[in-house]
Amino acid sequence: MRDVVYVLVFEGFADWQVGLALSEIRRPGEWEVRSIGFSRTPVTSMSGLQVLPNGSVDELDPAVAALLILPGGQIWLPSQRERMTRLARDVHEGGAPVAAIGDGVFALARAGLIDACRHTGSWPGQIERAAPDYAGQDQYDANVLAVSDGGVITASHLGGIEFAREIIHTLDLYTRSDREHWYRLFKHAVPPPWLASETVDVARAA
């Protein structure tokens, strides 16, 4: 049963880019979130949080993988970039979607996963510099902050809310109506009808 969402953590990963998505994944209680690193050694995020990975990338079980999430953050070691690229390709070929945000999109480009599907990134022209073999320029959409296509989710480093929305949709969390209300709440501070009515009742009681 595919009920595990894996998230790659590494030294200097951008934790805020994936925090909202991870909290929504865990909320229904039907999915397990497992952090994986290049080793089991603790890492420190850009925000200064120390994270002890649940396992290494070599311990990822493709049979239970429902989704792989790749956050942004600079990865300097070539060996780590290669392992991240191979991980993305293996998970996708194994039948699970892969989601990347910010610099995490580079791994998808190096793996050839966005050459033939609609995708986005932080800004036009950035991916080519990080992935010389990237051939998906015609598929790049600069007008969205996040998009899902072909089993791949990509997002700008500024699109954390949109990234979470695409993941919520991919995992089929909540109803279609609730997903739209969720997005309006987090993006535009528009409360859903049930929350709006509770707010009015509280205001009247006060």
N, C-alpha and C. Protein backbone atom coordinates (compact mmCIF):
# COMPACT_ATOMS: atom_id res chain seq x y z
N MET A 1 0.84 -1.20 0.00
CA MET A 1 0.00 0.00 0.00
C MET A 1 0.88 1.25 0.00
N ARG A 2 0.59 2.16 -0.91
CA ARG A 2 1.37 3.39 -1.00
C ARG A 2 0.79 4.43 -0.02
N ASP A 3 1.35 4.50 1.17
CA ASP A 3 0.82 5.42 2.17
C ASP A 3 1.92 6.22 2.87
N VAL A 4 3.12 6.24 2.28
CA VAL A 4 4.24 6.97 2.87
C VAL A 4 4.66 8.11 1.95
N VAL A 5 4.75 9.29 2.52
CA VAL A 5 5.27 10.45 1.79
C VAL A 5 6.69 10.68 2.29
N TYR A 6 7.63 10.59 1.38
CA TYR A 6 9.03 10.81 1.72
C TYR A 6 9.42 12.26 1.42
N VAL A 7 10.20 12.85 2.32
CA VAL A 7 10.73 14.20 2.09
C VAL A 7 12.23 14.16 2.31
N LEU A 8 12.96 14.64 1.33
CA LEU A 8 14.42 14.65 1.42
C LEU A 8 14.86 15.82 2.28
N VAL A 9 15.72 15.54 3.26
CA VAL A 9 16.30 16.60 4.10
C VAL A 9 17.81 16.53 3.96
N PHE A 10 18.43 17.69 3.93
CA PHE A 10 19.88 17.76 3.76
C PHE A 10 20.36 19.05 4.40
N GLU A 11 21.65 19.17 4.56
CA GLU A 11 22.22 20.35 5.21
C GLU A 11 21.83 21.61 4.44
N GLY A 12 21.11 22.51 5.12
CA GLY A 12 20.70 23.75 4.48
C GLY A 12 19.43 23.67 3.67
N PHE A 13 18.61 22.64 3.87
CA PHE A 13 17.37 22.56 3.09
C PHE A 13 16.39 23.65 3.55
N ALA A 14 15.58 24.11 2.62
CA ALA A 14 14.64 25.21 2.89
C ALA A 14 13.36 24.64 3.51
N ASP A 15 13.35 24.54 4.82
CA ASP A 15 12.25 23.87 5.51
C ASP A 15 10.91 24.56 5.33
N TRP A 16 10.91 25.89 5.23
CA TRP A 16 9.64 26.61 5.12
C TRP A 16 8.92 26.34 3.79
N GLN A 17 9.66 25.92 2.79
CA GLN A 17 9.04 25.68 1.49
C GLN A 17 8.12 24.47 1.50
N VAL A 18 8.36 23.54 2.41
CA VAL A 18 7.58 22.30 2.43
C VAL A 18 6.75 22.15 3.70
N GLY A 19 6.90 23.07 4.65
CA GLY A 19 6.22 22.94 5.94
C GLY A 19 4.71 22.88 5.85
N LEU A 20 4.12 23.76 5.06
CA LEU A 20 2.66 23.79 4.95
C LEU A 20 2.13 22.52 4.30
N ALA A 21 2.80 22.06 3.26
CA ALA A 21 2.37 20.83 2.59
C ALA A 21 2.44 19.65 3.54
N LEU A 22 3.51 19.55 4.30
CA LEU A 22 3.68 18.41 5.21
C LEU A 22 2.62 18.42 6.31
N SER A 23 2.29 19.60 6.82
CA SER A 23 1.27 19.66 7.88
C SER A 23 -0.09 19.24 7.36
N GLU A 24 -0.41 19.58 6.12
CA GLU A 24 -1.69 19.20 5.55
C GLU A 24 -1.72 17.71 5.22
N ILE A 25 -0.58 17.15 4.83
CA ILE A 25 -0.51 15.71 4.56
C ILE A 25 -0.79 14.92 5.83
N ARG A 26 -0.26 15.38 6.95
CA ARG A 26 -0.41 14.65 8.21
C ARG A 26 -1.78 14.86 8.86
N ARG A 27 -2.45 15.95 8.51
CA ARG A 27 -3.69 16.29 9.20
C ARG A 27 -4.75 15.18 9.15
N PRO A 28 -5.03 14.56 8.00
CA PRO A 28 -6.08 13.52 7.98
C PRO A 28 -5.70 12.25 8.75
N GLY A 29 -4.41 12.04 8.98
CA GLY A 29 -3.97 10.86 9.71
C GLY A 29 -3.87 9.60 8.88
N GLU A 30 -3.99 9.72 7.57
CA GLU A 30 -3.96 8.54 6.69
C GLU A 30 -2.59 8.33 6.04
N TRP A 31 -1.70 9.31 6.19
CA TRP A 31 -0.42 9.24 5.51
C TRP A 31 0.71 9.33 6.53
N GLU A 32 1.76 8.61 6.26
CA GLU A 32 2.95 8.68 7.10
C GLU A 32 3.99 9.53 6.38
N VAL A 33 4.59 10.47 7.09
CA VAL A 33 5.65 11.30 6.54
C VAL A 33 6.99 10.78 7.07
N ARG A 34 7.90 10.45 6.17
CA ARG A 34 9.23 9.99 6.57
C ARG A 34 10.28 10.90 5.94
N SER A 35 11.18 11.39 6.76
CA SER A 35 12.29 12.18 6.25
C SER A 35 13.44 11.25 5.91
N ILE A 36 14.08 11.52 4.78
CA ILE A 36 15.25 10.74 4.37
C ILE A 36 16.37 11.70 4.05
N GLY A 37 17.58 11.30 4.39
CA GLY A 37 18.76 12.12 4.13
C GLY A 37 19.76 11.35 3.29
N PHE A 38 20.86 11.99 2.96
CA PHE A 38 21.91 11.29 2.23
C PHE A 38 22.60 10.29 3.14
N SER A 39 22.38 10.47 4.45
CA SER A 39 22.80 9.50 5.46
C SER A 39 21.83 9.67 6.63
N ARG A 40 22.06 8.95 7.70
CA ARG A 40 21.22 9.09 8.89
C ARG A 40 21.74 10.19 9.82
N THR A 41 22.75 10.90 9.40
CA THR A 41 23.33 11.96 10.22
C THR A 41 22.37 13.15 10.31
N PRO A 42 22.22 13.76 11.50
CA PRO A 42 21.35 14.94 11.62
C PRO A 42 21.80 16.06 10.69
N VAL A 43 20.83 16.81 10.19
CA VAL A 43 21.11 17.96 9.33
C VAL A 43 20.45 19.19 9.92
N THR A 44 20.92 20.35 9.52
CA THR A 44 20.36 21.61 10.00
C THR A 44 19.76 22.36 8.82
N SER A 45 18.51 22.74 8.95
CA SER A 45 17.81 23.45 7.88
C SER A 45 18.27 24.91 7.81
N MET A 46 17.82 25.62 6.79
CA MET A 46 18.14 27.04 6.66
C MET A 46 17.63 27.84 7.85
N SER A 47 16.55 27.36 8.45
CA SER A 47 15.96 28.06 9.59
C SER A 47 16.67 27.72 10.91
N GLY A 48 17.65 26.82 10.85
CA GLY A 48 18.39 26.46 12.04
C GLY A 48 17.81 25.30 12.82
N LEU A 49 16.81 24.61 12.25
CA LEU A 49 16.23 23.44 12.91
C LEU A 49 17.07 22.20 12.62
N GLN A 50 17.39 21.46 13.65
CA GLN A 50 18.14 20.22 13.46
C GLN A 50 17.15 19.08 13.25
N VAL A 51 17.37 18.32 12.20
CA VAL A 51 16.47 17.23 11.84
C VAL A 51 17.26 15.92 11.78
N LEU A 52 16.74 14.92 12.45
CA LEU A 52 17.32 13.59 12.39
C LEU A 52 16.52 12.77 11.38
N PRO A 53 17.09 12.46 10.23
CA PRO A 53 16.34 11.70 9.22
C PRO A 53 15.85 10.36 9.75
N ASN A 54 14.67 9.95 9.29
CA ASN A 54 14.16 8.63 9.64
C ASN A 54 14.99 7.52 8.99
N GLY A 55 15.66 7.86 7.91
CA GLY A 55 16.47 6.89 7.20
C GLY A 55 17.27 7.59 6.11
N SER A 56 18.00 6.82 5.34
CA SER A 56 18.78 7.37 4.23
C SER A 56 18.03 7.14 2.92
N VAL A 57 18.49 7.79 1.88
CA VAL A 57 17.84 7.64 0.56
C VAL A 57 17.89 6.18 0.09
N ASP A 58 18.90 5.46 0.55
CA ASP A 58 19.03 4.06 0.14
C ASP A 58 17.99 3.17 0.80
N GLU A 59 17.31 3.70 1.82
CA GLU A 59 16.31 2.92 2.55
C GLU A 59 14.89 3.23 2.09
N LEU A 60 14.74 4.09 1.12
CA LEU A 60 13.40 4.39 0.60
C LEU A 60 12.80 3.12 0.00
N ASP A 61 11.56 2.85 0.37
CA ASP A 61 10.86 1.67 -0.13
C ASP A 61 9.90 2.10 -1.23
N PRO A 62 10.22 1.83 -2.49
CA PRO A 62 9.35 2.26 -3.59
C PRO A 62 7.96 1.65 -3.55
N ALA A 63 7.81 0.51 -2.88
CA ALA A 63 6.51 -0.16 -2.83
C ALA A 63 5.50 0.60 -1.99
N VAL A 64 5.97 1.41 -1.04
CA VAL A 64 5.05 2.14 -0.17
C VAL A 64 5.07 3.65 -0.44
N ALA A 65 5.90 4.08 -1.37
CA ALA A 65 6.03 5.51 -1.65
C ALA A 65 4.80 6.05 -2.36
N ALA A 66 4.13 7.00 -1.72
CA ALA A 66 2.99 7.68 -2.34
C ALA A 66 3.43 8.97 -3.01
N LEU A 67 4.55 9.53 -2.54
CA LEU A 67 5.04 10.81 -3.06
C LEU A 67 6.44 11.04 -2.51
N LEU A 68 7.28 11.65 -3.32
CA LEU A 68 8.60 12.11 -2.89
C LEU A 68 8.62 13.63 -3.00
N ILE A 69 9.02 14.30 -1.92
CA ILE A 69 9.10 15.77 -1.91
C ILE A 69 10.56 16.19 -1.82
N LEU A 70 10.95 17.06 -2.74
CA LEU A 70 12.31 17.60 -2.77
C LEU A 70 12.25 19.09 -2.49
N PRO A 71 12.71 19.54 -1.33
CA PRO A 71 12.71 20.97 -1.02
C PRO A 71 13.87 21.68 -1.71
N GLY A 72 13.84 22.99 -1.67
CA GLY A 72 14.94 23.77 -2.19
C GLY A 72 16.08 23.83 -1.18
N GLY A 73 17.14 24.53 -1.56
CA GLY A 73 18.34 24.62 -0.75
C GLY A 73 19.54 24.23 -1.59
N GLN A 74 20.67 24.84 -1.31
CA GLN A 74 21.85 24.58 -2.12
C GLN A 74 22.48 23.24 -1.76
N ILE A 75 22.71 22.42 -2.76
CA ILE A 75 23.46 21.19 -2.59
C ILE A 75 24.77 21.34 -3.36
N TRP A 76 25.87 21.39 -2.63
CA TRP A 76 27.15 21.71 -3.25
C TRP A 76 27.90 20.48 -3.73
N LEU A 77 27.77 19.35 -3.03
CA LEU A 77 28.56 18.17 -3.38
C LEU A 77 28.00 17.49 -4.63
N PRO A 78 28.81 17.30 -5.67
CA PRO A 78 28.34 16.61 -6.88
C PRO A 78 27.75 15.24 -6.59
N SER A 79 28.33 14.51 -5.64
CA SER A 79 27.83 13.18 -5.32
C SER A 79 26.40 13.24 -4.78
N GLN A 80 26.09 14.29 -3.99
CA GLN A 80 24.74 14.44 -3.47
C GLN A 80 23.77 14.82 -4.57
N ARG A 81 24.19 15.67 -5.48
CA ARG A 81 23.33 16.04 -6.61
C ARG A 81 22.99 14.81 -7.44
N GLU A 82 23.99 13.97 -7.65
CA GLU A 82 23.77 12.74 -8.43
C GLU A 82 22.79 11.81 -7.73
N ARG A 83 22.93 11.67 -6.42
CA ARG A 83 22.04 10.77 -5.66
C ARG A 83 20.62 11.33 -5.65
N MET A 84 20.48 12.66 -5.55
CA MET A 84 19.17 13.29 -5.55
C MET A 84 18.49 13.10 -6.90
N THR A 85 19.27 13.24 -7.97
CA THR A 85 18.74 13.04 -9.32
C THR A 85 18.30 11.60 -9.52
N ARG A 86 19.13 10.66 -9.10
CA ARG A 86 18.81 9.24 -9.24
C ARG A 86 17.58 8.87 -8.42
N LEU A 87 17.49 9.45 -7.22
CA LEU A 87 16.34 9.20 -6.35
C LEU A 87 15.05 9.65 -7.02
N ALA A 88 15.04 10.85 -7.59
CA ALA A 88 13.85 11.37 -8.25
C ALA A 88 13.44 10.48 -9.42
N ARG A 89 14.42 10.08 -10.20
CA ARG A 89 14.13 9.24 -11.37
C ARG A 89 13.59 7.88 -10.94
N ASP A 90 14.22 7.28 -9.94
CA ASP A 90 13.80 5.94 -9.50
C ASP A 90 12.38 5.95 -8.93
N VAL A 91 12.07 6.95 -8.13
CA VAL A 91 10.73 7.02 -7.54
C VAL A 91 9.68 7.23 -8.62
N HIS A 92 9.96 8.12 -9.56
CA HIS A 92 9.01 8.39 -10.64
C HIS A 92 8.82 7.16 -11.52
N GLU A 93 9.90 6.51 -11.86
CA GLU A 93 9.79 5.30 -12.68
C GLU A 93 9.10 4.17 -11.93
N GLY A 94 9.15 4.24 -10.59
CA GLY A 94 8.47 3.24 -9.79
C GLY A 94 6.98 3.47 -9.64
N GLY A 95 6.48 4.56 -10.23
CA GLY A 95 5.04 4.80 -10.26
C GLY A 95 4.52 5.81 -9.27
N ALA A 96 5.40 6.46 -8.51
CA ALA A 96 4.95 7.47 -7.55
C ALA A 96 5.28 8.87 -8.08
N PRO A 97 4.43 9.85 -7.78
CA PRO A 97 4.73 11.22 -8.21
C PRO A 97 5.89 11.82 -7.41
N VAL A 98 6.51 12.82 -8.00
CA VAL A 98 7.62 13.52 -7.37
C VAL A 98 7.29 15.01 -7.38
N ALA A 99 7.51 15.66 -6.23
CA ALA A 99 7.22 17.09 -6.09
C ALA A 99 8.48 17.83 -5.69
N ALA A 100 8.78 18.92 -6.41
CA ALA A 100 9.98 19.69 -6.11
C ALA A 100 9.67 21.18 -6.12
N ILE A 101 10.33 21.91 -5.24
CA ILE A 101 10.12 23.34 -5.14
C ILE A 101 11.46 24.05 -5.11
N GLY A 102 11.54 25.24 -5.69
CA GLY A 102 12.77 26.00 -5.69
C GLY A 102 13.90 25.25 -6.37
N ASP A 103 15.05 25.20 -5.72
CA ASP A 103 16.20 24.52 -6.30
C ASP A 103 15.99 23.01 -6.42
N GLY A 104 15.00 22.47 -5.73
CA GLY A 104 14.70 21.06 -5.87
C GLY A 104 14.30 20.68 -7.29
N VAL A 105 13.80 21.66 -8.05
CA VAL A 105 13.40 21.41 -9.44
C VAL A 105 14.59 21.00 -10.29
N PHE A 106 15.78 21.44 -9.89
CA PHE A 106 16.98 21.10 -10.68
C PHE A 106 17.16 19.59 -10.77
N ALA A 107 16.85 18.88 -9.69
CA ALA A 107 17.01 17.42 -9.70
C ALA A 107 16.08 16.79 -10.73
N LEU A 108 14.87 17.34 -10.84
CA LEU A 108 13.93 16.80 -11.83
C LEU A 108 14.43 17.07 -13.24
N ALA A 109 15.04 18.25 -13.43
CA ALA A 109 15.58 18.58 -14.75
C ALA A 109 16.75 17.66 -15.09
N ARG A 110 17.64 17.43 -14.13
CA ARG A 110 18.78 16.54 -14.38
C ARG A 110 18.33 15.12 -14.66
N ALA A 111 17.19 14.74 -14.06
CA ALA A 111 16.66 13.38 -14.26
C ALA A 111 15.88 13.26 -15.56
N GLY A 112 15.66 14.37 -16.24
CA GLY A 112 14.91 14.35 -17.50
C GLY A 112 13.41 14.23 -17.30
N LEU A 113 12.92 14.52 -16.09
CA LEU A 113 11.51 14.32 -15.79
C LEU A 113 10.62 15.48 -16.22
N ILE A 114 11.21 16.62 -16.58
CA ILE A 114 10.37 17.77 -16.96
C ILE A 114 10.62 18.21 -18.40
N ASP A 115 11.30 17.38 -19.17
CA ASP A 115 11.55 17.73 -20.56
C ASP A 115 10.27 17.73 -21.38
N ALA A 116 9.31 16.87 -21.02
CA ALA A 116 8.11 16.70 -21.85
C ALA A 116 6.82 16.97 -21.09
N CYS A 117 6.90 17.66 -19.95
CA CYS A 117 5.67 17.99 -19.24
C CYS A 117 5.70 19.46 -18.79
N ARG A 118 4.52 20.02 -18.64
CA ARG A 118 4.41 21.41 -18.20
C ARG A 118 5.00 21.54 -16.81
N HIS A 119 5.82 22.57 -16.60
CA HIS A 119 6.48 22.75 -15.32
C HIS A 119 6.82 24.21 -15.11
N THR A 120 7.29 24.52 -13.92
CA THR A 120 7.72 25.88 -13.63
C THR A 120 8.92 25.82 -12.71
N GLY A 121 9.41 26.99 -12.33
CA GLY A 121 10.57 27.10 -11.45
C GLY A 121 10.59 28.49 -10.84
N SER A 122 11.72 28.87 -10.33
CA SER A 122 11.78 30.16 -9.63
C SER A 122 11.82 31.34 -10.60
N TRP A 123 12.51 31.18 -11.74
CA TRP A 123 12.48 32.21 -12.78
C TRP A 123 13.00 31.62 -14.09
N PRO A 124 12.56 32.17 -15.22
CA PRO A 124 12.97 31.64 -16.52
C PRO A 124 14.49 31.72 -16.69
N GLY A 125 15.07 30.70 -17.29
CA GLY A 125 16.49 30.67 -17.56
C GLY A 125 17.33 30.09 -16.44
N GLN A 126 16.75 29.88 -15.28
CA GLN A 126 17.51 29.37 -14.14
C GLN A 126 17.85 27.89 -14.28
N ILE A 127 16.90 27.11 -14.77
CA ILE A 127 17.08 25.66 -14.80
C ILE A 127 18.22 25.27 -15.74
N GLU A 128 18.33 25.95 -16.88
CA GLU A 128 19.37 25.62 -17.85
C GLU A 128 20.77 25.71 -17.25
N ARG A 129 20.98 26.68 -16.37
CA ARG A 129 22.31 26.87 -15.78
C ARG A 129 22.66 25.75 -14.81
N ALA A 130 21.64 25.18 -14.17
CA ALA A 130 21.88 24.13 -13.18
C ALA A 130 21.86 22.74 -13.81
N ALA A 131 21.17 22.61 -14.94
CA ALA A 131 21.04 21.30 -15.59
C ALA A 131 21.29 21.46 -17.09
N PRO A 132 22.54 21.37 -17.51
CA PRO A 132 22.90 21.62 -18.92
C PRO A 132 22.15 20.74 -19.93
N ASP A 133 21.73 19.55 -19.52
CA ASP A 133 21.04 18.64 -20.45
C ASP A 133 19.53 18.86 -20.48
N TYR A 134 19.06 19.81 -19.71
CA TYR A 134 17.62 20.12 -19.66
C TYR A 134 17.13 20.52 -21.05
N ALA A 135 16.00 19.93 -21.47
CA ALA A 135 15.47 20.19 -22.81
C ALA A 135 13.99 20.54 -22.76
N GLY A 136 13.53 21.08 -21.63
CA GLY A 136 12.11 21.36 -21.49
C GLY A 136 11.72 22.81 -21.55
N GLN A 137 12.55 23.63 -22.20
CA GLN A 137 12.27 25.07 -22.24
C GLN A 137 10.89 25.40 -22.79
N ASP A 138 10.45 24.66 -23.78
CA ASP A 138 9.15 24.93 -24.38
C ASP A 138 7.99 24.56 -23.46
N GLN A 139 8.26 23.77 -22.46
CA GLN A 139 7.22 23.34 -21.51
C GLN A 139 7.19 24.23 -20.26
N TYR A 140 8.12 25.16 -20.16
CA TYR A 140 8.22 26.00 -18.96
C TYR A 140 7.08 27.02 -18.93
N ASP A 141 6.38 27.10 -17.81
CA ASP A 141 5.27 28.05 -17.64
C ASP A 141 5.67 29.08 -16.59
N ALA A 142 5.93 30.28 -17.04
CA ALA A 142 6.35 31.36 -16.14
C ALA A 142 5.17 32.07 -15.49
N ASN A 143 3.96 31.66 -15.82
CA ASN A 143 2.77 32.37 -15.35
C ASN A 143 2.11 31.72 -14.13
N VAL A 144 2.73 30.66 -13.61
CA VAL A 144 2.18 29.98 -12.44
C VAL A 144 3.28 29.83 -11.39
N LEU A 145 2.86 29.71 -10.13
CA LEU A 145 3.81 29.48 -9.05
C LEU A 145 4.01 28.00 -8.76
N ALA A 146 3.08 27.17 -9.21
CA ALA A 146 3.20 25.73 -9.07
C ALA A 146 2.30 25.06 -10.10
N VAL A 147 2.71 23.87 -10.53
CA VAL A 147 1.91 23.16 -11.52
C VAL A 147 2.20 21.67 -11.41
N SER A 148 1.20 20.86 -11.74
CA SER A 148 1.35 19.41 -11.74
C SER A 148 1.06 18.87 -13.13
N ASP A 149 1.94 18.00 -13.62
CA ASP A 149 1.74 17.40 -14.93
C ASP A 149 2.63 16.17 -15.05
N GLY A 150 2.08 15.10 -15.56
CA GLY A 150 2.88 13.91 -15.82
C GLY A 150 3.48 13.26 -14.59
N GLY A 151 2.80 13.35 -13.47
CA GLY A 151 3.33 12.75 -12.26
C GLY A 151 4.45 13.56 -11.62
N VAL A 152 4.54 14.83 -12.01
CA VAL A 152 5.59 15.71 -11.49
C VAL A 152 4.97 17.03 -11.04
N ILE A 153 5.30 17.47 -9.84
CA ILE A 153 4.87 18.76 -9.32
C ILE A 153 6.11 19.65 -9.23
N THR A 154 6.01 20.85 -9.78
CA THR A 154 7.12 21.81 -9.69
C THR A 154 6.58 23.12 -9.16
N ALA A 155 7.44 23.86 -8.46
CA ALA A 155 7.00 25.13 -7.89
C ALA A 155 8.15 26.11 -7.78
N SER A 156 7.83 27.38 -7.90
CA SER A 156 8.77 28.46 -7.62
C SER A 156 9.09 28.47 -6.13
N HIS A 157 10.23 29.03 -5.77
CA HIS A 157 10.58 29.15 -4.35
C HIS A 157 9.61 30.09 -3.62
N LEU A 158 8.84 30.86 -4.38
CA LEU A 158 7.84 31.75 -3.79
C LEU A 158 6.45 31.11 -3.75
N GLY A 159 6.33 29.88 -4.19
CA GLY A 159 5.02 29.26 -4.33
C GLY A 159 4.71 28.18 -3.31
N GLY A 160 5.06 28.39 -2.06
CA GLY A 160 4.83 27.36 -1.05
C GLY A 160 3.36 26.99 -0.88
N ILE A 161 2.47 27.98 -0.95
CA ILE A 161 1.04 27.70 -0.81
C ILE A 161 0.53 26.94 -2.03
N GLU A 162 0.93 27.39 -3.20
CA GLU A 162 0.51 26.70 -4.42
C GLU A 162 1.10 25.30 -4.50
N PHE A 163 2.32 25.14 -4.02
CA PHE A 163 2.97 23.83 -3.97
C PHE A 163 2.16 22.89 -3.09
N ALA A 164 1.76 23.38 -1.92
CA ALA A 164 0.93 22.57 -1.01
C ALA A 164 -0.40 22.22 -1.67
N ARG A 165 -0.99 23.17 -2.39
CA ARG A 165 -2.28 22.91 -3.06
C ARG A 165 -2.14 21.79 -4.08
N GLU A 166 -1.07 21.79 -4.87
CA GLU A 166 -0.89 20.74 -5.87
C GLU A 166 -0.67 19.38 -5.22
N ILE A 167 0.02 19.36 -4.11
CA ILE A 167 0.24 18.11 -3.38
C ILE A 167 -1.07 17.60 -2.79
N ILE A 168 -1.84 18.51 -2.20
CA ILE A 168 -3.15 18.15 -1.65
C ILE A 168 -4.03 17.53 -2.75
N HIS A 169 -4.00 18.12 -3.92
CA HIS A 169 -4.80 17.61 -5.04
C HIS A 169 -4.28 16.24 -5.49
N THR A 170 -2.96 16.11 -5.61
CA THR A 170 -2.36 14.86 -6.08
C THR A 170 -2.68 13.69 -5.14
N LEU A 171 -2.66 13.95 -3.83
CA LEU A 171 -2.96 12.91 -2.85
C LEU A 171 -4.45 12.78 -2.58
N ASP A 172 -5.23 13.61 -3.26
CA ASP A 172 -6.69 13.57 -3.13
C ASP A 172 -7.13 13.80 -1.68
N LEU A 173 -6.50 14.78 -1.05
CA LEU A 173 -6.90 15.15 0.31
C LEU A 173 -8.11 16.06 0.26
N TYR A 174 -9.06 15.84 1.14
CA TYR A 174 -10.26 16.68 1.24
C TYR A 174 -11.11 16.57 -0.03
N THR A 175 -12.23 17.25 -0.04
CA THR A 175 -13.07 17.29 -1.23
C THR A 175 -12.59 18.41 -2.14
N ARG A 176 -13.08 18.39 -3.35
CA ARG A 176 -12.68 19.44 -4.29
C ARG A 176 -13.08 20.82 -3.77
N SER A 177 -14.27 20.91 -3.20
CA SER A 177 -14.73 22.18 -2.65
C SER A 177 -13.88 22.62 -1.47
N ASP A 178 -13.56 21.67 -0.58
CA ASP A 178 -12.74 22.00 0.58
C ASP A 178 -11.33 22.44 0.17
N ARG A 179 -10.80 21.83 -0.89
CA ARG A 179 -9.47 22.23 -1.37
C ARG A 179 -9.49 23.68 -1.83
N GLU A 180 -10.56 24.07 -2.50
CA GLU A 180 -10.66 25.46 -2.97
C GLU A 180 -10.80 26.41 -1.79
N HIS A 181 -11.60 26.04 -0.81
CA HIS A 181 -11.74 26.88 0.38
C HIS A 181 -10.41 26.96 1.13
N TRP A 182 -9.68 25.85 1.17
CA TRP A 182 -8.37 25.84 1.84
C TRP A 182 -7.45 26.85 1.17
N TYR A 183 -7.40 26.84 -0.16
CA TYR A 183 -6.51 27.74 -0.88
C TYR A 183 -6.90 29.21 -0.64
N ARG A 184 -8.18 29.50 -0.69
CA ARG A 184 -8.62 30.87 -0.46
C ARG A 184 -8.26 31.35 0.94
N LEU A 185 -8.33 30.43 1.91
CA LEU A 185 -8.01 30.79 3.29
C LEU A 185 -6.53 31.14 3.43
N PHE A 186 -5.66 30.26 2.94
CA PHE A 186 -4.23 30.48 3.13
C PHE A 186 -3.65 31.53 2.18
N LYS A 187 -4.22 31.66 0.99
CA LYS A 187 -3.68 32.60 0.02
C LYS A 187 -4.26 34.00 0.19
N HIS A 188 -5.56 34.06 0.46
CA HIS A 188 -6.23 35.37 0.47
C HIS A 188 -6.91 35.69 1.79
N ALA A 189 -6.72 34.84 2.80
CA ALA A 189 -7.31 35.06 4.12
C ALA A 189 -8.84 35.14 4.06
N VAL A 190 -9.43 34.39 3.12
CA VAL A 190 -10.89 34.32 3.01
C VAL A 190 -11.35 33.06 3.74
N PRO A 191 -12.01 33.20 4.88
CA PRO A 191 -12.40 32.01 5.65
C PRO A 191 -13.46 31.20 4.93
N PRO A 192 -13.43 29.89 5.09
CA PRO A 192 -14.48 29.05 4.50
C PRO A 192 -15.80 29.32 5.18
N PRO A 193 -16.91 28.92 4.56
CA PRO A 193 -18.24 29.24 5.11
C PRO A 193 -18.42 28.78 6.55
N TRP A 194 -17.94 27.56 6.88
CA TRP A 194 -18.14 27.06 8.23
C TRP A 194 -17.31 27.84 9.26
N LEU A 195 -16.14 28.31 8.85
CA LEU A 195 -15.31 29.10 9.75
C LEU A 195 -15.84 30.52 9.87
N ALA A 196 -16.36 31.02 8.76
CA ALA A 196 -16.92 32.37 8.78
C ALA A 196 -18.11 32.44 9.72
N SER A 197 -18.96 31.42 9.71
CA SER A 197 -20.13 31.42 10.58
C SER A 197 -19.72 31.33 12.05
N GLU A 198 -18.65 30.55 12.34
CA GLU A 198 -18.16 30.46 13.71
C GLU A 198 -17.61 31.80 14.17
N THR A 199 -16.95 32.52 13.25
CA THR A 199 -16.39 33.82 13.59
C THR A 199 -17.50 34.80 13.93
N VAL A 200 -18.58 34.75 13.17
CA VAL A 200 -19.72 35.65 13.43
C VAL A 200 -20.35 35.32 14.78
N ASP A 201 -20.51 34.03 15.09
CA ASP A 201 -21.09 33.63 16.36
C ASP A 201 -20.24 34.10 17.53
N VAL A 202 -18.94 34.00 17.40
CA VAL A 202 -18.04 34.45 18.47
C VAL A 202 -18.14 35.95 18.66
N ALA A 203 -18.20 36.68 17.53
CA ALA A 203 -18.31 38.13 17.61
C ALA A 203 -19.60 38.56 18.27
N ARG A 204 -20.70 37.85 17.98
CA ARG A 204 -21.98 38.17 18.59
C ARG A 204 -21.96 37.90 20.09
N ALA A 205 -21.30 36.78 20.45
CA ALA A 205 -21.24 36.42 21.86
C ALA A 205 -20.44 37.43 22.67
N ALA A 206 -19.43 38.02 22.01
CA ALA A 206 -18.60 39.01 22.68
C ALA A 206 -19.36 40.30 22.89
